[in-house]
Amino acid sequence: MALDGIFITTELEGDLAKRIHAHQLEFDPKMANFLPPHVTLIGSSGAGPIPSDTPVAELKARILPVTEATAPITLRFGPPERFVQREIVSLPLDPHGPIRTLHERLRGCGIPLLQARYPFTPHCTINLYPTLTPATLKRLLAIRESEEFTLHTICVYHTKEPQKPRLLFRASLGGTSK
């Protein structure tokens, strides 16, 4: 079943984004060429995707007050983790604190949401598609990206697989849409 829905992400920036993108290119080029390194806030864990027929004007009316009232968020990734019984390896974030607050505000802002498949587990995926060999898994789990970074912007994408996601709009935390 192909995915067709609207997701809210926050893209990583600067040298951190470049390093994580290099890891993604090494381990999962298909995923690396789909979207820049990011953390999904709405669409996969904690809240399912927004129905794809939701008008952009409605999305902006509901989402922009949340982003305007939310200051940029400083975070730090933990050591890589493999999702249980999955080929997914990601850099996890603490699911509590300001990122959970942003997730909950977006989830509760009145946008329609489909059913979530997993509890909220904010992360940046490094490997999604390839089957993991023991050697590859060992190398993935050795990655460390532990310095603090700040999230400044959210991105709202329409995803309709197998097409590349289409950016609907960006919104700055504590600011305006782009």
Protein backbone atom coordinates (compact mmCIF):
# COMPACT_ATOMS: atom_id res chain seq x y z
CA MET A 1 0.00 0.00 0.00
CA ALA A 2 1.54 3.31 -1.12
CA LEU A 3 1.63 6.13 1.38
CA ASP A 4 -0.36 9.29 0.58
CA GLY A 5 -0.51 11.90 3.33
CA ILE A 6 0.86 15.13 4.75
CA PHE A 7 3.77 15.04 7.18
CA ILE A 8 5.31 17.70 9.41
CA THR A 9 9.08 17.50 9.79
CA THR A 10 11.93 19.63 10.99
CA GLU A 11 15.06 19.56 8.86
CA LEU A 12 18.53 19.52 10.35
CA GLU A 13 20.89 22.33 9.41
CA GLY A 14 24.56 23.11 8.88
CA ASP A 15 27.46 20.73 9.44
CA LEU A 16 25.32 18.27 11.40
CA ALA A 17 22.94 17.91 8.44
CA LYS A 18 25.90 17.41 6.09
CA ARG A 19 27.43 14.69 8.29
CA ILE A 20 24.15 12.84 8.75
CA HIS A 21 23.43 13.09 5.03
CA ALA A 22 26.87 11.55 4.38
CA HIS A 23 25.96 8.65 6.72
CA GLN A 24 22.63 8.23 4.91
CA LEU A 25 24.34 8.24 1.50
CA GLU A 26 26.76 5.58 2.70
CA PHE A 27 24.18 3.27 4.26
CA ASP A 28 20.91 4.06 2.43
CA PRO A 29 21.29 6.16 -0.76
CA LYS A 30 17.60 5.68 -1.69
CA MET A 31 16.44 7.32 1.52
CA ALA A 32 19.21 9.95 1.41
CA ASN A 33 17.94 11.22 -1.92
CA PHE A 34 14.30 11.39 -0.78
CA LEU A 35 14.42 14.17 1.86
CA PRO A 36 17.16 16.08 3.69
CA PRO A 37 18.07 14.76 7.17
CA HIS A 38 15.06 15.46 9.37
CA VAL A 39 12.96 14.56 12.38
CA THR A 40 9.29 13.76 11.72
CA LEU A 41 6.96 15.53 14.15
CA ILE A 42 3.60 14.47 12.68
CA GLY A 43 2.96 11.55 10.34
CA SER A 44 4.69 8.45 11.63
CA SER A 45 4.94 8.14 15.39
CA GLY A 46 2.57 9.63 17.94
CA ALA A 47 0.25 10.95 15.23
CA GLY A 48 -0.49 9.56 11.81
CA PRO A 49 -0.31 11.54 8.58
CA ILE A 50 -2.67 14.39 7.82
CA PRO A 51 -5.14 13.41 5.04
CA SER A 52 -3.72 14.50 1.69
CA ASP A 53 -6.87 16.43 0.72
CA THR A 54 -6.51 18.87 3.64
CA PRO A 55 -6.30 22.39 2.14
CA VAL A 56 -3.01 24.25 2.62
CA ALA A 57 -4.92 27.29 3.89
CA GLU A 58 -6.41 25.15 6.69
CA LEU A 59 -2.99 23.70 7.50
CA LYS A 60 -1.48 27.18 7.78
CA ALA A 61 -4.40 28.48 9.87
CA ARG A 62 -3.89 25.66 12.39
CA ILE A 63 -0.11 25.17 12.32
CA LEU A 64 1.22 28.76 12.16
CA PRO A 65 -0.13 29.80 15.59
CA VAL A 66 1.73 26.79 17.06
CA THR A 67 5.03 27.62 15.36
CA GLU A 68 4.75 31.33 16.16
CA ALA A 69 4.29 30.50 19.87
CA THR A 70 7.19 28.00 19.94
CA ALA A 71 10.78 29.14 20.42
CA PRO A 72 13.59 27.33 18.57
CA ILE A 73 14.41 24.04 20.30
CA THR A 74 17.90 22.88 21.28
CA LEU A 75 18.39 19.11 21.33
CA ARG A 76 21.02 16.38 21.29
CA PHE A 77 20.93 12.94 19.62
CA GLY A 78 21.60 9.82 21.64
CA PRO A 79 23.60 6.85 20.34
CA PRO A 80 22.06 5.08 17.32
CA GLU A 81 19.32 2.53 17.92
CA ARG A 82 17.81 -0.20 15.79
CA PHE A 83 14.02 -0.35 15.82
CA VAL A 84 12.90 -3.70 17.23
CA GLN A 85 12.55 -6.36 14.51
CA ARG A 86 13.06 -3.74 11.77
CA GLU A 87 15.90 -2.79 9.41
CA ILE A 88 15.68 0.82 10.64
CA VAL A 89 18.58 2.45 12.47
CA SER A 90 18.15 5.99 13.73
CA LEU A 91 19.61 8.66 15.96
CA PRO A 92 17.08 9.03 18.79
CA LEU A 93 16.01 12.14 20.65
CA ASP A 94 14.64 12.29 24.17
CA PRO A 95 10.86 12.03 23.60
CA HIS A 96 10.18 14.37 26.53
CA GLY A 97 10.63 18.09 26.97
CA PRO A 98 10.28 20.74 24.25
CA ILE A 99 10.10 18.35 21.28
CA ARG A 100 7.20 16.49 22.88
CA THR A 101 5.54 19.81 23.68
CA LEU A 102 5.82 20.86 20.01
CA HIS A 103 4.52 17.45 18.88
CA GLU A 104 1.56 17.64 21.29
CA ARG A 105 0.71 21.22 20.25
CA LEU A 106 0.75 20.24 16.58
CA ARG A 107 -1.27 17.10 17.31
CA GLY A 108 -3.84 19.13 19.24
CA CYS A 109 -4.13 22.15 16.92
CA GLY A 110 -7.20 20.84 15.12
CA ILE A 111 -5.68 19.39 11.96
CA PRO A 112 -7.21 16.05 11.00
CA LEU A 113 -4.86 13.12 11.68
CA LEU A 114 -4.89 9.50 10.65
CA GLN A 115 -4.11 6.75 13.18
CA ALA A 116 -0.53 6.53 14.41
CA ARG A 117 1.17 3.17 14.12
CA TYR A 118 3.76 3.78 16.87
CA PRO A 119 4.15 5.87 20.04
CA PHE A 120 6.02 9.17 19.67
CA THR A 121 9.70 8.35 19.17
CA PRO A 122 11.46 11.38 17.68
CA HIS A 123 14.55 10.44 15.69
CA CYS A 124 16.55 10.97 12.52
CA THR A 125 16.67 7.85 10.36
CA ILE A 126 20.04 6.74 8.97
CA ASN A 127 19.00 3.40 7.42
CA LEU A 128 15.49 2.54 6.25
CA TYR A 129 15.48 0.37 3.13
CA PRO A 130 18.56 -1.91 2.93
CA THR A 131 18.68 -5.18 4.82
CA LEU A 132 21.26 -4.96 7.59
CA THR A 133 24.24 -7.29 7.67
CA PRO A 134 25.98 -7.78 11.01
CA ALA A 135 28.95 -5.72 9.75
CA THR A 136 26.74 -2.88 8.52
CA LEU A 137 24.76 -2.83 11.75
CA LYS A 138 27.97 -2.65 13.77
CA ARG A 139 29.17 0.34 11.72
CA LEU A 140 25.79 2.08 11.98
CA LEU A 141 25.65 1.63 15.75
CA ALA A 142 29.15 3.14 16.07
CA ILE A 143 28.02 6.52 14.66
CA ARG A 144 28.03 9.36 17.16
CA GLU A 145 26.49 12.77 16.57
CA SER A 146 26.20 14.02 20.11
CA GLU A 147 26.68 17.81 19.99
CA GLU A 148 23.73 20.07 20.66
CA PHE A 149 21.80 21.49 17.70
CA THR A 150 18.84 23.80 17.33
CA LEU A 151 15.64 23.31 15.37
CA HIS A 152 14.48 26.57 13.78
CA THR A 153 11.94 25.57 11.13
CA ILE A 154 9.20 23.06 10.44
CA CYS A 155 8.37 21.78 6.96
CA VAL A 156 4.99 20.55 5.80
CA TYR A 157 5.26 17.95 3.02
CA HIS A 158 2.74 16.05 0.93
CA THR A 159 4.10 12.52 0.54
CA LYS A 160 2.64 10.32 -2.18
CA GLU A 161 4.85 7.29 -2.71
CA PRO A 162 6.69 6.48 -4.88
CA GLN A 163 6.98 10.19 -5.83
CA LYS A 164 9.37 12.48 -4.00
CA PRO A 165 7.61 14.47 -1.23
CA ARG A 166 6.39 17.95 -2.24
CA LEU A 167 7.03 20.84 0.14
CA LEU A 168 3.78 22.69 0.89
CA PHE A 169 5.30 25.34 3.17
CA ARG A 170 7.91 26.07 5.84
CA ALA A 171 7.31 27.87 9.11
CA SER A 172 9.92 29.30 11.44
CA LEU A 173 9.67 28.53 15.12
CA GLY A 174 8.90 31.85 16.76
CA GLY A 175 8.39 33.38 13.30
CA THR A 176 6.52 33.40 10.02
CA SER A 177 5.84 30.97 7.17
CA LYS A 178 7.99 30.78 4.04
